[in-house]
N, C-alpha and C. Protein backbone atom coordinates (compact mmCIF):
# COMPACT_ATOMS: atom_id res chain seq x y z
N MET A 1 58.05 137.00 158.26
CA MET A 1 57.22 135.71 158.52
C MET A 1 56.39 135.32 157.52
N ARG A 2 55.80 136.23 156.76
CA ARG A 2 55.03 135.96 155.67
C ARG A 2 55.83 135.16 154.61
N LEU A 3 57.02 135.60 154.39
CA LEU A 3 57.63 135.08 153.43
C LEU A 3 57.89 133.59 153.73
N LEU A 4 58.35 133.34 155.16
CA LEU A 4 58.71 131.72 155.46
C LEU A 4 57.39 131.08 155.24
N LEU A 5 56.15 131.61 155.69
CA LEU A 5 54.98 131.09 155.59
C LEU A 5 54.49 130.52 154.17
N ASN A 6 54.55 131.65 153.25
CA ASN A 6 54.45 131.30 151.84
C ASN A 6 55.45 130.21 151.16
N ILE A 7 56.62 130.24 151.63
CA ILE A 7 57.60 129.27 151.23
C ILE A 7 57.25 127.78 151.60
N LEU A 8 56.81 127.75 152.70
CA LEU A 8 56.39 126.43 153.43
C LEU A 8 55.16 125.98 152.83
N TRP A 9 54.33 127.01 152.55
CA TRP A 9 52.98 126.62 151.88
C TRP A 9 53.04 126.13 150.59
N PHE A 10 54.19 126.81 149.62
CA PHE A 10 54.37 126.60 148.39
C PHE A 10 54.75 125.14 148.35
N ILE A 11 55.90 124.86 149.24
CA ILE A 11 56.64 123.48 148.98
C ILE A 11 55.52 122.39 149.30
N PHE A 12 54.84 122.54 150.37
CA PHE A 12 53.86 121.37 151.10
C PHE A 12 52.55 121.49 150.43
N GLY A 13 52.32 121.89 149.52
CA GLY A 13 50.95 121.81 148.85
C GLY A 13 50.43 123.17 147.91
N GLY A 14 50.95 124.10 148.30
CA GLY A 14 50.41 125.40 147.62
C GLY A 14 50.72 125.36 146.10
N PHE A 15 52.02 124.76 145.81
CA PHE A 15 52.26 124.54 144.24
C PHE A 15 51.23 123.63 143.53
N ALA A 16 50.95 122.65 144.09
CA ALA A 16 49.99 121.78 143.57
C ALA A 16 48.48 122.34 143.31
N THR A 17 48.30 123.02 144.67
CA THR A 17 46.70 123.77 144.49
C THR A 17 46.77 124.67 143.71
N GLY A 18 47.83 125.62 143.50
CA GLY A 18 47.78 126.78 142.48
C GLY A 18 47.61 126.11 141.18
N LEU A 19 48.40 124.99 140.73
CA LEU A 19 48.58 124.41 139.60
C LEU A 19 47.00 123.88 139.34
N ALA A 20 46.50 123.28 140.11
CA ALA A 20 45.23 122.71 139.91
C ALA A 20 44.14 123.91 139.44
N TRP A 21 44.24 124.92 140.42
CA TRP A 21 43.25 126.13 140.05
C TRP A 21 43.67 126.62 138.52
N LEU A 22 44.99 126.72 138.26
CA LEU A 22 45.37 127.17 136.82
C LEU A 22 44.69 126.30 135.85
N PHE A 23 45.07 124.93 135.94
CA PHE A 23 44.44 123.93 134.93
C PHE A 23 43.03 123.98 134.97
N GLY A 24 42.33 124.21 136.07
CA GLY A 24 40.70 124.32 135.97
C GLY A 24 40.41 125.43 135.17
N GLY A 25 41.03 126.61 135.42
CA GLY A 25 40.84 127.71 134.69
C GLY A 25 40.99 127.63 133.08
N LEU A 26 42.27 126.87 132.88
CA LEU A 26 42.25 126.56 131.40
C LEU A 26 41.40 125.79 130.68
N VAL A 27 40.90 124.74 131.62
CA VAL A 27 39.76 123.83 130.86
C VAL A 27 38.52 124.69 130.65
N LEU A 28 38.36 125.47 131.63
CA LEU A 28 36.84 126.43 131.71
C LEU A 28 37.17 127.48 130.35
N ALA A 29 38.45 127.85 130.08
CA ALA A 29 38.58 128.79 129.06
C ALA A 29 38.65 128.39 127.66
N VAL A 30 38.47 127.03 127.57
CA VAL A 30 38.27 126.44 126.22
C VAL A 30 36.93 126.51 125.67
N THR A 31 35.96 126.77 126.78
CA THR A 31 34.70 127.00 126.24
C THR A 31 34.25 128.45 126.33
N ILE A 32 33.43 128.99 125.74
CA ILE A 32 33.13 130.41 125.76
C ILE A 32 32.22 130.57 127.07
N VAL A 33 31.44 129.76 127.25
CA VAL A 33 30.47 129.75 128.55
C VAL A 33 31.39 129.89 129.85
N GLY A 34 32.53 128.99 129.96
CA GLY A 34 33.42 129.00 130.98
C GLY A 34 34.29 130.31 131.29
N LEU A 35 34.33 131.37 130.38
CA LEU A 35 35.32 132.20 130.48
C LEU A 35 35.16 133.18 131.90
N PRO A 36 34.05 133.53 132.32
CA PRO A 36 34.01 134.15 133.52
C PRO A 36 34.39 133.33 134.54
N TYR A 37 34.23 132.07 134.65
CA TYR A 37 34.80 131.16 135.68
C TYR A 37 36.32 130.93 135.56
N ALA A 38 36.82 130.72 134.32
CA ALA A 38 38.23 130.94 134.02
C ALA A 38 39.09 131.93 134.88
N LYS A 39 38.53 133.23 134.50
CA LYS A 39 38.94 134.48 135.14
C LYS A 39 38.88 134.27 136.67
N ALA A 40 37.83 133.95 137.15
CA ALA A 40 37.67 133.90 138.68
C ALA A 40 38.68 132.55 139.10
N ALA A 41 38.89 131.64 138.33
CA ALA A 41 39.85 130.39 138.82
C ALA A 41 41.10 130.94 138.74
N TRP A 42 41.67 131.78 137.85
CA TRP A 42 43.06 132.22 137.97
C TRP A 42 43.43 133.26 138.77
N ARG A 43 42.29 134.21 139.17
CA ARG A 43 42.63 134.82 140.47
C ARG A 43 42.75 134.23 141.58
N VAL A 44 42.02 132.93 141.81
CA VAL A 44 42.10 132.10 143.04
C VAL A 44 43.33 131.53 142.92
N ALA A 45 43.80 131.10 141.77
CA ALA A 45 45.30 130.42 141.68
C ALA A 45 46.47 131.24 142.18
N GLY A 46 46.34 132.54 142.04
CA GLY A 46 47.23 133.47 142.32
C GLY A 46 47.23 133.51 143.87
N PHE A 47 46.27 133.44 144.51
CA PHE A 47 46.04 133.43 146.05
C PHE A 47 46.57 131.92 146.52
N ALA A 48 46.16 131.02 145.65
CA ALA A 48 46.68 129.50 146.17
C ALA A 48 48.16 129.30 146.14
N PHE A 49 48.76 129.92 145.40
CA PHE A 49 50.32 129.85 145.32
C PHE A 49 50.83 130.65 146.64
N TRP A 50 50.55 131.96 146.76
CA TRP A 50 51.23 132.67 147.87
C TRP A 50 50.16 133.34 148.63
N PRO A 51 49.34 132.76 149.54
CA PRO A 51 48.50 133.21 150.24
C PRO A 51 48.53 134.39 151.48
N PHE A 52 49.61 134.06 152.02
CA PHE A 52 50.03 134.96 153.30
C PHE A 52 50.29 136.16 152.87
N GLY A 53 49.68 137.14 153.54
CA GLY A 53 49.93 138.73 153.24
C GLY A 53 48.77 139.09 152.07
N LYS A 54 47.80 138.34 151.78
CA LYS A 54 46.75 138.55 151.10
C LYS A 54 45.44 138.29 151.55
N GLU A 55 44.31 138.84 151.11
CA GLU A 55 42.91 138.32 151.54
C GLU A 55 42.03 138.49 150.34
N ILE A 56 41.07 137.76 150.25
CA ILE A 56 40.16 137.77 149.24
C ILE A 56 38.86 138.59 149.84
N VAL A 57 38.39 139.59 148.90
CA VAL A 57 37.56 140.52 149.05
C VAL A 57 36.30 140.53 147.87
N ASP A 58 35.33 141.13 148.18
CA ASP A 58 34.32 141.59 147.09
C ASP A 58 34.94 142.46 146.10
N ARG A 59 34.71 142.53 144.98
CA ARG A 59 35.31 143.47 143.89
C ARG A 59 34.19 144.73 143.99
N PRO A 60 34.75 145.77 143.80
CA PRO A 60 34.02 147.02 144.05
C PRO A 60 32.80 147.01 142.84
N ALA A 61 31.93 147.58 143.06
CA ALA A 61 30.49 147.62 141.97
C ALA A 61 30.93 148.47 140.83
N ASP A 62 30.79 147.58 139.69
CA ASP A 62 30.90 148.26 138.35
C ASP A 62 29.94 147.77 137.47
N PRO A 63 29.04 148.62 137.06
CA PRO A 63 27.89 148.43 136.07
C PRO A 63 28.35 147.64 134.86
N ALA A 64 29.39 147.84 134.45
CA ALA A 64 29.61 147.29 133.09
C ALA A 64 30.21 145.95 133.33
N ASP A 65 30.45 145.45 134.75
CA ASP A 65 31.03 144.12 134.91
C ASP A 65 30.11 142.92 135.08
N LEU A 66 30.12 142.05 134.13
CA LEU A 66 29.22 141.00 134.29
C LEU A 66 29.27 139.98 135.60
N GLY A 67 30.41 140.11 136.26
CA GLY A 67 30.54 139.24 137.43
C GLY A 67 29.79 139.80 138.79
N GLN A 68 29.13 140.68 138.59
CA GLN A 68 28.51 141.42 139.91
C GLN A 68 26.89 141.36 139.68
N GLY A 69 26.44 141.82 140.83
CA GLY A 69 24.80 141.85 140.83
C GLY A 69 24.25 140.40 140.54
N SER A 70 23.03 140.61 139.88
CA SER A 70 22.15 139.24 139.68
C SER A 70 22.97 138.37 138.78
N VAL A 71 23.73 138.85 137.77
CA VAL A 71 24.36 137.88 136.80
C VAL A 71 25.45 137.17 137.56
N GLY A 72 26.24 137.95 138.34
CA GLY A 72 27.35 137.30 139.33
C GLY A 72 26.77 136.32 140.21
N CYS A 73 25.56 136.53 140.88
CA CYS A 73 24.95 135.61 141.69
C CYS A 73 24.42 134.38 140.85
N LEU A 74 23.89 134.43 139.78
CA LEU A 74 23.61 133.29 138.98
C LEU A 74 24.79 132.65 138.71
N LEU A 75 25.81 133.32 138.28
CA LEU A 75 27.17 132.60 137.81
C LEU A 75 27.75 131.72 139.00
N ASN A 76 27.59 132.18 140.13
CA ASN A 76 27.88 131.59 141.31
C ASN A 76 27.19 130.46 141.85
N VAL A 77 25.88 130.59 141.59
CA VAL A 77 24.91 129.30 141.86
C VAL A 77 25.30 128.19 140.80
N ILE A 78 25.45 128.54 139.44
CA ILE A 78 25.79 127.69 138.49
C ILE A 78 27.20 126.92 138.92
N TRP A 79 28.22 127.64 139.29
CA TRP A 79 29.56 127.38 139.87
C TRP A 79 29.35 126.42 141.14
N PHE A 80 28.62 126.83 142.06
CA PHE A 80 28.36 125.92 143.37
C PHE A 80 27.77 124.77 142.85
N ILE A 81 26.95 124.56 141.99
CA ILE A 81 26.06 123.20 141.81
C ILE A 81 27.11 122.20 140.92
N PHE A 82 27.88 122.89 139.97
CA PHE A 82 28.79 121.85 139.04
C PHE A 82 30.12 121.77 139.54
N GLY A 83 30.64 122.54 140.68
CA GLY A 83 32.11 122.52 140.79
C GLY A 83 32.39 123.03 142.29
N GLY A 84 31.74 123.91 142.80
CA GLY A 84 32.19 124.72 143.75
C GLY A 84 31.97 123.91 145.11
N TRP A 85 30.96 123.01 145.15
CA TRP A 85 30.76 122.42 146.59
C TRP A 85 32.03 121.57 146.95
N TYR A 86 32.26 120.63 145.65
CA TYR A 86 33.37 119.46 146.09
C TYR A 86 34.74 120.21 146.30
N LEU A 87 35.06 121.28 145.43
CA LEU A 87 36.32 122.06 145.70
C LEU A 87 36.53 122.64 147.36
N ALA A 88 35.33 123.20 147.58
CA ALA A 88 35.22 123.53 149.08
C ALA A 88 35.53 122.53 149.95
N LEU A 89 34.75 121.28 149.80
CA LEU A 89 34.98 120.19 150.65
C LEU A 89 36.14 119.80 150.63
N ALA A 90 36.92 119.66 149.65
CA ALA A 90 38.24 119.14 149.66
C ALA A 90 39.34 120.02 150.39
N HIS A 91 39.05 121.53 150.24
CA HIS A 91 39.82 122.38 151.21
C HIS A 91 39.51 122.24 152.68
N VAL A 92 38.22 122.04 153.02
CA VAL A 92 37.92 121.96 154.36
C VAL A 92 38.45 120.72 154.86
N VAL A 93 38.39 119.60 154.32
CA VAL A 93 39.17 118.20 154.51
C VAL A 93 40.54 118.55 154.97
N ILE A 94 41.01 119.19 153.94
CA ILE A 94 42.57 119.49 153.95
C ILE A 94 43.12 120.21 155.09
N GLY A 95 42.15 121.29 155.27
CA GLY A 95 42.32 122.23 156.32
C GLY A 95 41.90 121.64 157.83
N LEU A 96 41.16 120.67 157.91
CA LEU A 96 40.81 120.02 159.19
C LEU A 96 42.15 119.01 159.46
N CYS A 97 42.67 118.52 158.39
CA CYS A 97 43.93 117.69 158.66
C CYS A 97 44.92 118.67 159.19
N GLU A 98 45.16 119.64 158.47
CA GLU A 98 46.24 120.58 159.00
C GLU A 98 45.97 121.07 160.38
N ALA A 99 44.87 121.36 160.72
CA ALA A 99 44.44 122.05 161.97
C ALA A 99 44.81 121.06 163.20
N VAL A 100 45.22 119.95 163.13
CA VAL A 100 45.48 118.95 163.91
C VAL A 100 46.78 119.43 164.70
N THR A 101 47.55 119.90 164.20
CA THR A 101 48.85 120.36 165.01
C THR A 101 48.65 122.06 164.93
N ILE A 102 49.41 122.55 165.87
CA ILE A 102 49.47 123.82 166.20
C ILE A 102 50.16 124.56 164.83
N ILE A 103 51.30 123.94 164.53
CA ILE A 103 52.14 124.35 163.35
C ILE A 103 51.13 124.60 162.13
N GLY A 104 50.31 123.49 162.01
CA GLY A 104 49.61 123.67 160.88
C GLY A 104 48.39 124.71 160.92
N LEU A 105 48.02 125.36 161.99
CA LEU A 105 46.88 125.96 162.03
C LEU A 105 46.89 127.25 161.15
N PRO A 106 48.08 128.08 160.93
CA PRO A 106 47.85 129.21 159.73
C PRO A 106 47.67 128.62 158.29
N PHE A 107 48.07 127.30 158.18
CA PHE A 107 47.85 127.02 156.76
C PHE A 107 46.49 126.21 156.76
N ALA A 108 45.81 125.92 157.98
CA ALA A 108 44.38 125.30 157.94
C ALA A 108 43.45 126.73 157.64
N MET A 109 43.81 127.92 158.17
CA MET A 109 43.12 129.00 157.91
C MET A 109 43.09 129.36 156.60
N LYS A 110 44.10 129.32 156.03
CA LYS A 110 44.25 129.58 154.38
C LYS A 110 43.40 128.68 153.60
N ASP A 111 43.48 127.40 154.03
CA ASP A 111 42.50 126.53 153.28
C ASP A 111 41.21 126.66 153.55
N PHE A 112 40.85 127.04 154.64
CA PHE A 112 39.38 127.54 154.97
C PHE A 112 38.91 128.78 154.00
N GLN A 113 40.06 129.75 154.00
CA GLN A 113 39.63 130.74 153.16
C GLN A 113 39.38 130.41 151.64
N LEU A 114 40.37 129.40 151.31
CA LEU A 114 40.15 128.83 149.75
C LEU A 114 38.85 128.16 149.75
N ALA A 115 38.42 127.58 150.68
CA ALA A 115 37.13 126.91 150.66
C ALA A 115 36.02 127.74 150.53
N GLY A 116 36.10 128.92 151.29
CA GLY A 116 35.04 129.86 151.08
C GLY A 116 35.01 130.62 149.79
N VAL A 117 36.05 130.86 149.22
CA VAL A 117 36.26 131.37 147.82
C VAL A 117 35.80 130.14 146.65
N ALA A 118 35.97 129.18 147.05
CA ALA A 118 35.67 127.83 146.09
C ALA A 118 34.15 127.73 145.96
N LEU A 119 33.43 128.21 147.02
CA LEU A 119 31.86 128.07 146.90
C LEU A 119 31.37 129.13 145.92
N ALA A 120 31.93 130.28 145.87
CA ALA A 120 31.40 131.37 145.12
C ALA A 120 32.75 132.31 144.50
N PRO A 121 33.39 132.06 143.51
CA PRO A 121 34.46 132.84 143.20
C PRO A 121 34.34 134.07 142.23
N VAL A 122 33.13 134.08 141.62
CA VAL A 122 32.76 135.19 140.82
C VAL A 122 32.56 136.45 141.74
N GLY A 123 33.06 137.44 141.19
CA GLY A 123 33.00 138.56 141.95
C GLY A 123 33.90 139.03 143.20
N LYS A 124 34.88 138.16 143.21
CA LYS A 124 35.76 138.30 144.26
C LYS A 124 37.24 138.68 143.70
N MET A 125 38.29 139.22 144.37
CA MET A 125 39.42 139.63 144.12
C MET A 125 40.31 139.52 145.28
N VAL A 126 41.52 139.33 144.95
CA VAL A 126 42.59 139.05 145.90
C VAL A 126 43.57 140.35 146.01
N VAL A 127 43.69 140.84 147.25
CA VAL A 127 44.33 142.26 147.63
C VAL A 127 45.37 141.89 148.68
N ASP A 128 46.32 142.67 148.43
CA ASP A 128 47.32 142.77 149.59
C ASP A 128 46.90 143.10 150.85
N LYS A 129 47.33 142.63 151.93
CA LYS A 129 46.74 143.27 153.43
C LYS A 129 47.77 144.56 153.57
């Protein structure tokens, strides 16, 4: 079932969503300041291509990791101000449109998960269920 849902997701918007996250990460990687955000965007892109059978969780604590603790919180606040809120809003609007039909509900749930991670992607990771 996951394979079928992933194929349908990929055909009907997942490919475009994943490419958008990859392109956003590429643009962020051009600057040194954007590198932590680029890594986060690329992690989200992997989820955006094939979301079924995966979930987004907080990364385990690592003192050497800049994407955690107060630095990660600051990076997420900056992300939210300059890009996260409108990415999340776009995923919510798309999710609401998908939720109109029963068939679209699983896809809407994945878009709502993408909206949540679009608000604060630094310090998150994608794992298999």
